[in-house]
PDB file of all heavy atoms in Angstrom:
ATOM      1  N   PRO A   1      -6.214 -18.848  -0.612  1.00  0.00           N
ATOM      2  CA  PRO A   1      -6.214 -19.126   0.834  1.00  0.00           C
ATOM      3  C   PRO A   1      -6.234 -17.805   1.611  1.00  0.00           C
ATOM      4  O   PRO A   1      -5.592 -16.826   1.200  1.00  0.00           O
ATOM      5  CB  PRO A   1      -4.902 -19.877   1.055  1.00  0.00           C
ATOM      6  CG  PRO A   1      -4.525 -20.409  -0.294  1.00  0.00           C
ATOM      7  CD  PRO A   1      -5.049 -19.417  -1.286  1.00  0.00           C
ATOM      8  N   LEU A   2      -6.949 -17.776   2.723  1.00  0.00           N
ATOM      9  CA  LEU A   2      -7.096 -16.552   3.507  1.00  0.00           C
ATOM     10  C   LEU A   2      -5.739 -15.971   3.922  1.00  0.00           C
ATOM     11  O   LEU A   2      -5.553 -14.753   3.889  1.00  0.00           O
ATOM     12  CB  LEU A   2      -7.975 -16.807   4.744  1.00  0.00           C
ATOM     13  CG  LEU A   2      -8.309 -15.576   5.586  1.00  0.00           C
ATOM     14  CD1 LEU A   2      -9.051 -14.520   4.777  1.00  0.00           C
ATOM     15  CD2 LEU A   2      -9.129 -15.972   6.806  1.00  0.00           C
ATOM     16  N   ILE A   3      -4.797 -16.823   4.291  1.00  0.00           N
ATOM     17  CA  ILE A   3      -3.459 -16.338   4.684  1.00  0.00           C
ATOM     18  C   ILE A   3      -2.844 -15.537   3.548  1.00  0.00           C
ATOM     19  O   ILE A   3      -2.346 -14.431   3.756  1.00  0.00           O
ATOM     20  CB  ILE A   3      -2.538 -17.525   5.074  1.00  0.00           C
ATOM     21  CG1 ILE A   3      -3.042 -18.180   6.346  1.00  0.00           C
ATOM     22  CG2 ILE A   3      -1.094 -17.073   5.222  1.00  0.00           C
ATOM     23  CD1 ILE A   3      -2.379 -19.504   6.686  1.00  0.00           C
ATOM     24  N   GLU A   4      -2.888 -16.080   2.344  1.00  0.00           N
ATOM     25  CA  GLU A   4      -2.332 -15.393   1.172  1.00  0.00           C
ATOM     26  C   GLU A   4      -3.100 -14.093   0.897  1.00  0.00           C
ATOM     27  O   GLU A   4      -2.524 -13.067   0.547  1.00  0.00           O
ATOM     28  CB  GLU A   4      -2.405 -16.326  -0.042  1.00  0.00           C
ATOM     29  CG  GLU A   4      -1.708 -15.799  -1.269  1.00  0.00           C
ATOM     30  CD  GLU A   4      -1.857 -16.746  -2.454  1.00  0.00           C
ATOM     31  OE1 GLU A   4      -1.759 -17.978  -2.277  1.00  0.00           O
ATOM     32  OE2 GLU A   4      -2.086 -16.235  -3.557  1.00  0.00           O
ATOM     33  N   PHE A   5      -4.417 -14.136   1.098  1.00  0.00           N
ATOM     34  CA  PHE A   5      -5.248 -12.957   0.855  1.00  0.00           C
ATOM     35  C   PHE A   5      -4.851 -11.807   1.778  1.00  0.00           C
ATOM     36  O   PHE A   5      -4.629 -10.690   1.328  1.00  0.00           O
ATOM     37  CB  PHE A   5      -6.730 -13.309   1.034  1.00  0.00           C
ATOM     38  CG  PHE A   5      -7.657 -12.160   0.779  1.00  0.00           C
ATOM     39  CD1 PHE A   5      -7.861 -11.687  -0.511  1.00  0.00           C
ATOM     40  CD2 PHE A   5      -8.317 -11.538   1.826  1.00  0.00           C
ATOM     41  CE1 PHE A   5      -8.706 -10.609  -0.754  1.00  0.00           C
ATOM     42  CE2 PHE A   5      -9.173 -10.463   1.592  1.00  0.00           C
ATOM     43  CZ  PHE A   5      -9.362 -10.001   0.289  1.00  0.00           C
ATOM     44  N   VAL A   6      -4.738 -12.075   3.083  1.00  0.00           N
ATOM     45  CA  VAL A   6      -4.422 -10.981   4.008  1.00  0.00           C
ATOM     46  C   VAL A   6      -2.965 -10.541   3.892  1.00  0.00           C
ATOM     47  O   VAL A   6      -2.679  -9.348   3.921  1.00  0.00           O
ATOM     48  CB  VAL A   6      -4.789 -11.291   5.489  1.00  0.00           C
ATOM     49  CG1 VAL A   6      -6.281 -11.417   5.660  1.00  0.00           C
ATOM     50  CG2 VAL A   6      -4.066 -12.499   6.026  1.00  0.00           C
ATOM     51  N   GLU A   7      -2.041 -11.489   3.724  1.00  0.00           N
ATOM     52  CA  GLU A   7      -0.624 -11.118   3.690  1.00  0.00           C
ATOM     53  C   GLU A   7      -0.189 -10.518   2.363  1.00  0.00           C
ATOM     54  O   GLU A   7       0.573  -9.566   2.340  1.00  0.00           O
ATOM     55  CB  GLU A   7       0.264 -12.333   3.988  1.00  0.00           C
ATOM     56  CG  GLU A   7       0.355 -12.667   5.441  1.00  0.00           C
ATOM     57  CD  GLU A   7       1.530 -13.560   5.757  1.00  0.00           C
ATOM     58  OE1 GLU A   7       1.582 -14.683   5.217  1.00  0.00           O
ATOM     59  OE2 GLU A   7       2.393 -13.137   6.536  1.00  0.00           O
ATOM     60  N   ASN A   8      -0.647 -11.104   1.262  1.00  0.00           N
ATOM     61  CA  ASN A   8      -0.162 -10.658  -0.047  1.00  0.00           C
ATOM     62  C   ASN A   8      -1.127  -9.707  -0.744  1.00  0.00           C
ATOM     63  O   ASN A   8      -0.740  -8.628  -1.185  1.00  0.00           O
ATOM     64  CB  ASN A   8       0.132 -11.853  -0.954  1.00  0.00           C
ATOM     65  CG  ASN A   8       1.185 -12.765  -0.357  1.00  0.00           C
ATOM     66  OD1 ASN A   8       2.027 -12.338   0.418  1.00  0.00           O
ATOM     67  ND2 ASN A   8       1.140 -14.037  -0.684  1.00  0.00           N
ATOM     68  N   TRP A   9      -2.376 -10.132  -0.864  1.00  0.00           N
ATOM     69  CA  TRP A   9      -3.343  -9.342  -1.620  1.00  0.00           C
ATOM     70  C   TRP A   9      -3.661  -8.021  -0.937  1.00  0.00           C
ATOM     71  O   TRP A   9      -3.545  -6.952  -1.547  1.00  0.00           O
ATOM     72  CB  TRP A   9      -4.630 -10.141  -1.844  1.00  0.00           C
ATOM     73  CG  TRP A   9      -4.478 -11.198  -2.886  1.00  0.00           C
ATOM     74  CD1 TRP A   9      -4.053 -12.482  -2.705  1.00  0.00           C
ATOM     75  CD2 TRP A   9      -4.728 -11.055  -4.282  1.00  0.00           C
ATOM     76  NE1 TRP A   9      -4.040 -13.141  -3.910  1.00  0.00           N
ATOM     77  CE2 TRP A   9      -4.449 -12.287  -4.889  1.00  0.00           C
ATOM     78  CE3 TRP A   9      -5.171 -10.008  -5.068  1.00  0.00           C
ATOM     79  CZ2 TRP A   9      -4.594 -12.501  -6.257  1.00  0.00           C
ATOM     80  CZ3 TRP A   9      -5.325 -10.219  -6.428  1.00  0.00           C
ATOM     81  CH2 TRP A   9      -5.025 -11.450  -7.009  1.00  0.00           C
ATOM     82  N   CYS A  10      -4.115  -8.071   0.294  1.00  0.00           N
ATOM     83  CA  CYS A  10      -4.542  -6.836   0.974  1.00  0.00           C
ATOM     84  C   CYS A  10      -3.386  -5.851   1.126  1.00  0.00           C
ATOM     85  O   CYS A  10      -3.535  -4.665   0.839  1.00  0.00           O
ATOM     86  CB  CYS A  10      -5.178  -7.137   2.322  1.00  0.00           C
ATOM     87  SG  CYS A  10      -6.808  -7.898   2.172  1.00  0.00           S
ATOM     88  N   LEU A  11      -2.236  -6.336   1.555  1.00  0.00           N
ATOM     89  CA  LEU A  11      -1.097  -5.447   1.735  1.00  0.00           C
ATOM     90  C   LEU A  11      -0.636  -4.886   0.389  1.00  0.00           C
ATOM     91  O   LEU A  11      -0.327  -3.703   0.269  1.00  0.00           O
ATOM     92  CB  LEU A  11       0.052  -6.160   2.455  1.00  0.00           C
ATOM     93  CG  LEU A  11      -0.275  -6.668   3.868  1.00  0.00           C
ATOM     94  CD1 LEU A  11       0.940  -7.323   4.505  1.00  0.00           C
ATOM     95  CD2 LEU A  11      -0.823  -5.570   4.758  1.00  0.00           C
ATOM     96  N   GLY A  12      -0.633  -5.725  -0.641  1.00  0.00           N
ATOM     97  CA  GLY A  12      -0.232  -5.280  -1.981  1.00  0.00           C
ATOM     98  C   GLY A  12      -1.208  -4.274  -2.567  1.00  0.00           C
ATOM     99  O   GLY A  12      -0.810  -3.265  -3.165  1.00  0.00           O
ATOM    100  N   MET A  13      -2.512  -4.533  -2.400  1.00  0.00           N
ATOM    101  CA  MET A  13      -3.512  -3.605  -2.931  1.00  0.00           C
ATOM    102  C   MET A  13      -3.423  -2.267  -2.215  1.00  0.00           C
ATOM    103  O   MET A  13      -3.587  -1.216  -2.839  1.00  0.00           O
ATOM    104  CB  MET A  13      -4.922  -4.192  -2.792  1.00  0.00           C
ATOM    105  CG  MET A  13      -5.184  -5.303  -3.790  1.00  0.00           C
ATOM    106  SD  MET A  13      -6.896  -5.876  -3.789  1.00  0.00           S
ATOM    107  CE  MET A  13      -7.032  -6.587  -2.178  1.00  0.00           C
ATOM    108  N   ASN A  14      -3.151  -2.286  -0.916  1.00  0.00           N
ATOM    109  CA  ASN A  14      -2.988  -1.032  -0.187  1.00  0.00           C
ATOM    110  C   ASN A  14      -1.803  -0.248  -0.760  1.00  0.00           C
ATOM    111  O   ASN A  14      -1.911   0.943  -1.018  1.00  0.00           O
ATOM    112  CB  ASN A  14      -2.782  -1.288   1.304  1.00  0.00           C
ATOM    113  CG  ASN A  14      -2.662   0.001   2.071  1.00  0.00           C
ATOM    114  OD1 ASN A  14      -3.605   0.769   2.170  1.00  0.00           O
ATOM    115  ND2 ASN A  14      -1.479   0.258   2.589  1.00  0.00           N
ATOM    116  N   SER A  15      -0.676  -0.937  -0.996  1.00  0.00           N
ATOM    117  CA  SER A  15       0.518  -0.285  -1.561  1.00  0.00           C
ATOM    118  C   SER A  15       0.230   0.302  -2.941  1.00  0.00           C
ATOM    119  O   SER A  15       0.760   1.345  -3.300  1.00  0.00           O
ATOM    120  CB  SER A  15       1.674  -1.285  -1.690  1.00  0.00           C
ATOM    121  OG  SER A  15       2.032  -1.758  -0.432  1.00  0.00           O
ATOM    122  N   ASP A  16      -0.626  -0.395  -3.711  1.00  0.00           N
ATOM    123  CA  ASP A  16      -0.938   0.043  -5.078  1.00  0.00           C
ATOM    124  C   ASP A  16      -2.093   1.043  -5.143  1.00  0.00           C
ATOM    125  O   ASP A  16      -2.498   1.462  -6.228  1.00  0.00           O
ATOM    126  CB  ASP A  16      -1.278  -1.172  -5.959  1.00  0.00           C
ATOM    127  CG  ASP A  16      -0.082  -2.100  -6.146  1.00  0.00           C
ATOM    128  OD1 ASP A  16       1.060  -1.666  -5.929  1.00  0.00           O
ATOM    129  OD2 ASP A  16      -0.301  -3.274  -6.513  1.00  0.00           O
ATOM    130  N   GLY A  17      -2.667   1.389  -3.981  1.00  0.00           N
ATOM    131  CA  GLY A  17      -3.764   2.350  -3.963  1.00  0.00           C
ATOM    132  C   GLY A  17      -5.078   1.803  -4.510  1.00  0.00           C
ATOM    133  O   GLY A  17      -5.913   2.557  -5.013  1.00  0.00           O
ATOM    134  N   LEU A  18      -5.272   0.489  -4.403  1.00  0.00           N
ATOM    135  CA  LEU A  18      -6.496  -0.144  -4.901  1.00  0.00           C
ATOM    136  C   LEU A  18      -7.479  -0.400  -3.763  1.00  0.00           C
ATOM    137  O   LEU A  18      -7.095  -0.433  -2.597  1.00  0.00           O
ATOM    138  CB  LEU A  18      -6.151  -1.494  -5.563  1.00  0.00           C
ATOM    139  CG  LEU A  18      -5.141  -1.449  -6.702  1.00  0.00           C
ATOM    140  CD1 LEU A  18      -4.777  -2.862  -7.136  1.00  0.00           C
ATOM    141  CD2 LEU A  18      -5.678  -0.654  -7.871  1.00  0.00           C
ATOM    142  N   LEU A  19      -8.722  -0.604  -4.123  1.00  0.00           N
ATOM    143  CA  LEU A  19      -9.753  -0.974  -3.157  1.00  0.00           C
ATOM    144  C   LEU A  19     -10.144  -2.433  -3.351  1.00  0.00           C
ATOM    145  O   LEU A  19      -9.886  -3.020  -4.405  1.00  0.00           O
ATOM    146  CB  LEU A  19     -11.010  -0.107  -3.355  1.00  0.00           C
ATOM    147  CG  LEU A  19     -10.901   1.368  -2.992  1.00  0.00           C
ATOM    148  CD1 LEU A  19     -12.173   2.098  -3.402  1.00  0.00           C
ATOM    149  CD2 LEU A  19     -10.642   1.545  -1.505  1.00  0.00           C
ATOM    150  N   VAL A  20     -10.792  -2.988  -2.353  1.00  0.00           N
ATOM    151  CA  VAL A  20     -11.309  -4.355  -2.428  1.00  0.00           C
ATOM    152  C   VAL A  20     -12.816  -4.262  -2.668  1.00  0.00           C
ATOM    153  O   VAL A  20     -13.519  -3.569  -1.936  1.00  0.00           O
ATOM    154  CB  VAL A  20     -11.069  -5.116  -1.101  1.00  0.00           C
ATOM    155  CG1 VAL A  20     -11.491  -6.565  -1.233  1.00  0.00           C
ATOM    156  CG2 VAL A  20      -9.620  -5.019  -0.674  1.00  0.00           C
ATOM    157  N   GLY A  21     -13.294  -4.967  -3.682  1.00  0.00           N
ATOM    158  CA  GLY A  21     -14.728  -5.063  -3.940  1.00  0.00           C
ATOM    159  C   GLY A  21     -15.230  -6.334  -3.289  1.00  0.00           C
ATOM    160  O   GLY A  21     -14.718  -7.425  -3.564  1.00  0.00           O
ATOM    161  N   ILE A  22     -16.210  -6.198  -2.410  1.00  0.00           N
ATOM    162  CA  ILE A  22     -16.662  -7.339  -1.613  1.00  0.00           C
ATOM    163  C   ILE A  22     -18.037  -7.823  -2.061  1.00  0.00           C
ATOM    164  O   ILE A  22     -18.990  -7.050  -2.090  1.00  0.00           O
ATOM    165  CB  ILE A  22     -16.729  -6.962  -0.124  1.00  0.00           C
ATOM    166  CG1 ILE A  22     -15.369  -6.511   0.390  1.00  0.00           C
ATOM    167  CG2 ILE A  22     -17.287  -8.112   0.715  1.00  0.00           C
ATOM    168  CD1 ILE A  22     -14.291  -7.553   0.369  1.00  0.00           C
ATOM    169  N   ASN A  23     -18.106  -9.127  -2.381  1.00  0.00           N
ATOM    170  CA  ASN A  23     -19.369  -9.789  -2.729  1.00  0.00           C
ATOM    171  C   ASN A  23     -20.237  -8.956  -3.678  1.00  0.00           C
ATOM    172  O   ASN A  23     -21.421  -8.757  -3.447  1.00  0.00           O
ATOM    173  CB  ASN A  23     -20.165 -10.167  -1.464  1.00  0.00           C
ATOM    174  CG  ASN A  23     -19.651 -11.443  -0.835  1.00  0.00           C
ATOM    175  OD1 ASN A  23     -18.859 -12.178  -1.421  1.00  0.00           O
ATOM    176  ND2 ASN A  23     -20.104 -11.738   0.370  1.00  0.00           N
ATOM    177  N   PHE A  24     -19.618  -8.486  -4.764  1.00  0.00           N
ATOM    178  CA  PHE A  24     -20.374  -7.757  -5.788  1.00  0.00           C
ATOM    179  C   PHE A  24     -21.451  -8.672  -6.345  1.00  0.00           C
ATOM    180  O   PHE A  24     -21.283  -9.892  -6.380  1.00  0.00           O
ATOM    181  CB  PHE A  24     -19.446  -7.308  -6.920  1.00  0.00           C
ATOM    182  CG  PHE A  24     -18.789  -5.977  -6.684  1.00  0.00           C
ATOM    183  CD1 PHE A  24     -18.368  -5.584  -5.414  1.00  0.00           C
ATOM    184  CD2 PHE A  24     -18.586  -5.105  -7.733  1.00  0.00           C
ATOM    185  CE1 PHE A  24     -17.773  -4.356  -5.196  1.00  0.00           C
ATOM    186  CE2 PHE A  24     -17.991  -3.869  -7.529  1.00  0.00           C
ATOM    187  CZ  PHE A  24     -17.579  -3.488  -6.260  1.00  0.00           C
ATOM    188  N   ASP A  25     -22.559  -8.084  -6.771  1.00  0.00           N
ATOM    189  CA  ASP A  25     -23.627  -8.881  -7.388  1.00  0.00           C
ATOM    190  C   ASP A  25     -23.494  -8.814  -8.905  1.00  0.00           C
ATOM    191  O   ASP A  25     -22.548  -8.223  -9.433  1.00  0.00           O
ATOM    192  CB  ASP A  25     -25.008  -8.433  -6.902  1.00  0.00           C
ATOM    193  CG  ASP A  25     -25.332  -6.983  -7.265  1.00  0.00           C
ATOM    194  OD1 ASP A  25     -24.717  -6.416  -8.188  1.00  0.00           O
ATOM    195  OD2 ASP A  25     -26.229  -6.423  -6.599  1.00  0.00           O
ATOM    196  N   SER A  26     -24.428  -9.412  -9.601  1.00  0.00           N
ATOM    197  CA  SER A  26     -24.343  -9.471 -11.067  1.00  0.00           C
ATOM    198  C   SER A  26     -24.460  -8.090 -11.715  1.00  0.00           C
ATOM    199  O   SER A  26     -24.144  -7.928 -12.885  1.00  0.00           O
ATOM    200  CB  SER A  26     -25.406 -10.425 -11.621  1.00  0.00           C
ATOM    201  OG  SER A  26     -26.681  -9.987 -11.202  1.00  0.00           O
ATOM    202  N   HIS A  27     -24.869  -7.082 -10.957  1.00  0.00           N
ATOM    203  CA  HIS A  27     -24.923  -5.698 -11.464  1.00  0.00           C
ATOM    204  C   HIS A  27     -23.661  -4.927 -11.093  1.00  0.00           C
ATOM    205  O   HIS A  27     -23.606  -3.703 -11.234  1.00  0.00           O
ATOM    206  CB  HIS A  27     -26.153  -4.968 -10.900  1.00  0.00           C
ATOM    207  CG  HIS A  27     -27.434  -5.666 -11.172  1.00  0.00           C
ATOM    208  ND1 HIS A  27     -27.989  -5.764 -12.438  1.00  0.00           N
ATOM    209  CD2 HIS A  27     -28.268  -6.343 -10.356  1.00  0.00           C
ATOM    210  CE1 HIS A  27     -29.111  -6.451 -12.371  1.00  0.00           C
ATOM    211  NE2 HIS A  27     -29.293  -6.823 -11.119  1.00  0.00           N
ATOM    212  N   LEU A  28     -22.657  -5.667 -10.593  1.00  0.00           N
ATOM    213  CA  LEU A  28     -21.384  -5.095 -10.141  1.00  0.00           C
ATOM    214  C   LEU A  28     -21.603  -4.058  -9.047  1.00  0.00           C
ATOM    215  O   LEU A  28     -20.971  -3.007  -8.999  1.00  0.00           O
ATOM    216  CB  LEU A  28     -20.587  -4.495 -11.313  1.00  0.00           C
ATOM    217  CG  LEU A  28     -20.293  -5.457 -12.465  1.00  0.00           C
ATOM    218  CD1 LEU A  28     -19.356  -4.828 -13.469  1.00  0.00           C
ATOM    219  CD2 LEU A  28     -19.732  -6.771 -11.956  1.00  0.00           C
ATOM    220  N   PHE A  29     -22.510  -4.381  -8.164  1.00  0.00           N
ATOM    221  CA  PHE A  29     -22.844  -3.528  -7.038  1.00  0.00           C
ATOM    222  C   PHE A  29     -22.415  -4.259  -5.784  1.00  0.00           C
ATOM    223  O   PHE A  29     -22.807  -5.403  -5.561  1.00  0.00           O
ATOM    224  CB  PHE A  29     -24.364  -3.278  -7.039  1.00  0.00           C
ATOM    225  CG  PHE A  29     -24.827  -2.330  -5.984  1.00  0.00           C
ATOM    226  CD1 PHE A  29     -24.510  -0.984  -6.041  1.00  0.00           C
ATOM    227  CD2 PHE A  29     -25.607  -2.792  -4.925  1.00  0.00           C
ATOM    228  CE1 PHE A  29     -24.955  -0.097  -5.076  1.00  0.00           C
ATOM    229  CE2 PHE A  29     -26.056  -1.915  -3.944  1.00  0.00           C
ATOM    230  CZ  PHE A  29     -25.727  -0.568  -4.022  1.00  0.00           C
ATOM    231  N   GLY A  30     -21.564  -3.629  -4.987  1.00  0.00           N
ATOM    232  CA  GLY A  30     -21.100  -4.274  -3.773  1.00  0.00           C
ATOM    233  C   GLY A  30     -20.356  -3.305  -2.883  1.00  0.00           C
ATOM    234  O   GLY A  30     -20.290  -2.111  -3.160  1.00  0.00           O
ATOM    235  N   TYR A  31     -19.785  -3.833  -1.833  1.00  0.00           N
ATOM    236  CA  TYR A  31     -19.102  -3.012  -0.834  1.00  0.00           C
ATOM    237  C   TYR A  31     -17.678  -2.726  -1.294  1.00  0.00           C
ATOM    238  O   TYR A  31     -16.966  -3.624  -1.730  1.00  0.00           O
ATOM    239  CB  TYR A  31     -19.098  -3.749   0.510  1.00  0.00           C
ATOM    240  CG  TYR A  31     -18.695  -2.890   1.674  1.00  0.00           C
ATOM    241  CD1 TYR A  31     -19.643  -2.142   2.361  1.00  0.00           C
ATOM    242  CD2 TYR A  31     -17.375  -2.819   2.090  1.00  0.00           C
ATOM    243  CE1 TYR A  31     -19.287  -1.335   3.439  1.00  0.00           C
ATOM    244  CE2 TYR A  31     -17.009  -2.029   3.165  1.00  0.00           C
ATOM    245  CZ  TYR A  31     -17.970  -1.288   3.825  1.00  0.00           C
ATOM    246  OH  TYR A  31     -17.606  -0.493   4.884  1.00  0.00           O
ATOM    247  N   GLU A  32     -17.268  -1.461  -1.174  1.00  0.00           N
ATOM    248  CA  GLU A  32     -15.898  -1.070  -1.496  1.00  0.00           C
ATOM    249  C   GLU A  32     -15.157  -0.853  -0.187  1.00  0.00           C
ATOM    250  O   GLU A  32     -15.580  -0.048   0.633  1.00  0.00           O
ATOM    251  CB  GLU A  32     -15.893   0.226  -2.314  1.00  0.00           C
ATOM    252  CG  GLU A  32     -16.618   0.086  -3.639  1.00  0.00           C
ATOM    253  CD  GLU A  32     -16.703   1.401  -4.413  1.00  0.00           C
ATOM    254  OE1 GLU A  32     -16.037   2.386  -4.022  1.00  0.00           O
ATOM    255  OE2 GLU A  32     -17.450   1.433  -5.404  1.00  0.00           O
ATOM    256  N   ALA A  33     -14.077  -1.608   0.012  1.00  0.00           N
ATOM    257  CA  ALA A  33     -13.352  -1.544   1.286  1.00  0.00           C
ATOM    258  C   ALA A  33     -11.896  -1.167   1.066  1.00  0.00           C
ATOM    259  O   ALA A  33     -11.289  -1.521   0.056  1.00  0.00           O
ATOM    260  CB  ALA A  33     -13.419  -2.906   1.987  1.00  0.00           C
ATOM    261  N   GLU A  34     -11.358  -0.458   2.058  1.00  0.00           N
ATOM    262  CA  GLU A  34      -9.913  -0.219   2.093  1.00  0.00           C
ATOM    263  C   GLU A  34      -9.268  -1.548   2.489  1.00  0.00           C
ATOM    264  O   GLU A  34      -9.706  -2.179   3.465  1.00  0.00           O
ATOM    265  CB  GLU A  34      -9.573   0.850   3.140  1.00  0.00           C
ATOM    266  CG  GLU A  34     -10.076   2.236   2.793  1.00  0.00           C
ATOM    267  CD  GLU A  34      -9.250   2.917   1.717  1.00  0.00           C
ATOM    268  OE1 GLU A  34      -8.148   2.441   1.409  1.00  0.00           O
ATOM    269  OE2 GLU A  34      -9.735   3.924   1.187  1.00  0.00           O
ATOM    270  N   PRO A  35      -8.227  -1.981   1.773  1.00  0.00           N
ATOM    271  CA  PRO A  35      -7.627  -3.300   2.064  1.00  0.00           C
ATOM    272  C   PRO A  35      -7.172  -3.483   3.517  1.00  0.00           C
ATOM    273  O   PRO A  35      -7.386  -4.545   4.093  1.00  0.00           O
ATOM    274  CB  PRO A  35      -6.435  -3.376   1.109  1.00  0.00           C
ATOM    275  CG  PRO A  35      -6.750  -2.407   0.016  1.00  0.00           C
ATOM    276  CD  PRO A  35      -7.593  -1.334   0.619  1.00  0.00           C
ATOM    277  N   LEU A  36      -6.572  -2.464   4.112  1.00  0.00           N
ATOM    278  CA  LEU A  36      -6.081  -2.626   5.487  1.00  0.00           C
ATOM    279  C   LEU A  36      -7.228  -2.665   6.491  1.00  0.00           C
ATOM    280  O   LEU A  36      -7.160  -3.373   7.496  1.00  0.00           O
ATOM    281  CB  LEU A  36      -5.089  -1.518   5.850  1.00  0.00           C
ATOM    282  CG  LEU A  36      -3.791  -1.516   5.041  1.00  0.00           C
ATOM    283  CD1 LEU A  36      -2.838  -0.435   5.551  1.00  0.00           C
ATOM    284  CD2 LEU A  36      -3.105  -2.873   5.029  1.00  0.00           C
ATOM    285  N   GLU A  37      -8.295  -1.898   6.225  1.00  0.00           N
ATOM    286  CA  GLU A  37      -9.476  -1.946   7.102  1.00  0.00           C
ATOM    287  C   GLU A  37     -10.103  -3.344   7.043  1.00  0.00           C
ATOM    288  O   GLU A  37     -10.518  -3.892   8.063  1.00  0.00           O
ATOM    289  CB  GLU A  37     -10.502  -0.882   6.705  1.00  0.00           C
ATOM    290  CG  GLU A  37     -10.020   0.550   6.891  1.00  0.00           C
ATOM    291  CD  GLU A  37      -9.815   0.973   8.333  1.00  0.00           C
ATOM    292  OE1 GLU A  37     -10.315   0.300   9.249  1.00  0.00           O
ATOM    293  OE2 GLU A  37      -9.140   2.007   8.541  1.00  0.00           O
ATOM    294  N   LEU A  38     -10.165  -3.922   5.838  1.00  0.00           N
ATOM    295  CA  LEU A  38     -10.684  -5.283   5.682  1.00  0.00           C
ATOM    296  C   LEU A  38      -9.820  -6.264   6.470  1.00  0.00           C
ATOM    297  O   LEU A  38     -10.337  -7.134   7.170  1.00  0.00           O
ATOM    298  CB  LEU A  38     -10.738  -5.678   4.201  1.00  0.00           C
ATOM    299  CG  LEU A  38     -11.099  -7.137   3.917  1.00  0.00           C
ATOM    300  CD1 LEU A  38     -12.467  -7.503   4.481  1.00  0.00           C
ATOM    301  CD2 LEU A  38     -11.058  -7.401   2.410  1.00  0.00           C
ATOM    302  N   CYS A  39      -8.507  -6.122   6.380  1.00  0.00           N
ATOM    303  CA  CYS A  39      -7.587  -6.988   7.131  1.00  0.00           C
ATOM    304  C   CYS A  39      -7.884  -6.922   8.624  1.00  0.00           C
ATOM    305  O   CYS A  39      -7.940  -7.954   9.291  1.00  0.00           O
ATOM    306  CB  CYS A  39      -6.142  -6.534   6.909  1.00  0.00           C
ATOM    307  SG  CYS A  39      -5.224  -7.594   5.839  1.00  0.00           S
ATOM    308  N   LEU A  40      -8.067  -5.709   9.137  1.00  0.00           N
ATOM    309  CA  LEU A  40      -8.350  -5.554  10.572  1.00  0.00           C
ATOM    310  C   LEU A  40      -9.680  -6.213  10.937  1.00  0.00           C
ATOM    311  O   LEU A  40      -9.786  -6.857  11.987  1.00  0.00           O
ATOM    312  CB  LEU A  40      -8.362  -4.071  10.969  1.00  0.00           C
ATOM    313  CG  LEU A  40      -7.001  -3.374  10.946  1.00  0.00           C
ATOM    314  CD1 LEU A  40      -7.168  -1.892  11.286  1.00  0.00           C
ATOM    315  CD2 LEU A  40      -6.009  -4.040  11.897  1.00  0.00           C
ATOM    316  N   ASP A  41     -10.682  -6.081  10.072  1.00  0.00           N
ATOM    317  CA  ASP A  41     -11.976  -6.725  10.334  1.00  0.00           C
ATOM    318  C   ASP A  41     -11.838  -8.246  10.335  1.00  0.00           C
ATOM    319  O   ASP A  41     -12.448  -8.934  11.150  1.00  0.00           O
ATOM    320  CB  ASP A  41     -13.027  -6.277   9.315  1.00  0.00           C
ATOM    321  CG  ASP A  41     -13.479  -4.836   9.548  1.00  0.00           C
ATOM    322  OD1 ASP A  41     -13.283  -4.304  10.658  1.00  0.00           O
ATOM    323  OD2 ASP A  41     -14.029  -4.242   8.594  1.00  0.00           O
ATOM    324  N   ILE A  42     -11.033  -8.779   9.426  1.00  0.00           N
ATOM    325  CA  ILE A  42     -10.802 -10.230   9.371  1.00  0.00           C
ATOM    326  C   ILE A  42     -10.063 -10.691  10.633  1.00  0.00           C
ATOM    327  O   ILE A  42     -10.419 -11.694  11.242  1.00  0.00           O
ATOM    328  CB  ILE A  42     -10.043 -10.623   8.075  1.00  0.00           C
ATOM    329  CG1 ILE A  42     -10.985 -10.477   6.867  1.00  0.00           C
ATOM    330  CG2 ILE A  42      -9.480 -12.046   8.174  1.00  0.00           C
ATOM    331  CD1 ILE A  42     -10.304 -10.626   5.512  1.00  0.00           C
ATOM    332  N   ILE A  43      -9.053  -9.932  11.041  1.00  0.00           N
ATOM    333  CA  ILE A  43      -8.304 -10.279  12.260  1.00  0.00           C
ATOM    334  C   ILE A  43      -9.239 -10.273  13.477  1.00  0.00           C
ATOM    335  O   ILE A  43      -9.210 -11.193  14.300  1.00  0.00           O
ATOM    336  CB  ILE A  43      -7.099  -9.320  12.467  1.00  0.00           C
ATOM    337  CG1 ILE A  43      -6.024  -9.600  11.406  1.00  0.00           C
ATOM    338  CG2 ILE A  43      -6.524  -9.464  13.880  1.00  0.00           C
ATOM    339  CD1 ILE A  43      -4.933  -8.541  11.327  1.00  0.00           C
ATOM    340  N   ARG A  44     -10.088  -9.244  13.590  1.00  0.00           N
ATOM    341  CA  ARG A  44     -11.043  -9.172  14.711  1.00  0.00           C
ATOM    342  C   ARG A  44     -11.961 -10.391  14.726  1.00  0.00           C
ATOM    343  O   ARG A  44     -12.212 -10.983  15.761  1.00  0.00           O
ATOM    344  CB  ARG A  44     -11.888  -7.895  14.612  1.00  0.00           C
ATOM    345  CG  ARG A  44     -11.349  -6.746  15.432  1.00  0.00           C
ATOM    346  CD  ARG A  44     -12.331  -5.584  15.525  1.00  0.00           C
ATOM    347  NE  ARG A  44     -12.549  -4.921  14.252  1.00  0.00           N
ATOM    348  CZ  ARG A  44     -11.750  -3.987  13.743  1.00  0.00           C
ATOM    349  NH1 ARG A  44     -10.681  -3.608  14.402  1.00  0.00           N
ATOM    350  NH2 ARG A  44     -12.031  -3.434  12.586  1.00  0.00           N
TER     351      ARG A  44
END
């Protein structure tokens, strides 16, 4: 659920120094986002 994603996943990944991979394709090619920046984009 989006609520769980923004509250738990994004905040947790930021704390752990991880990035979010967005809509990767079958070649594992996709957008790499900072979790908090993604959260702000979702909020906007």
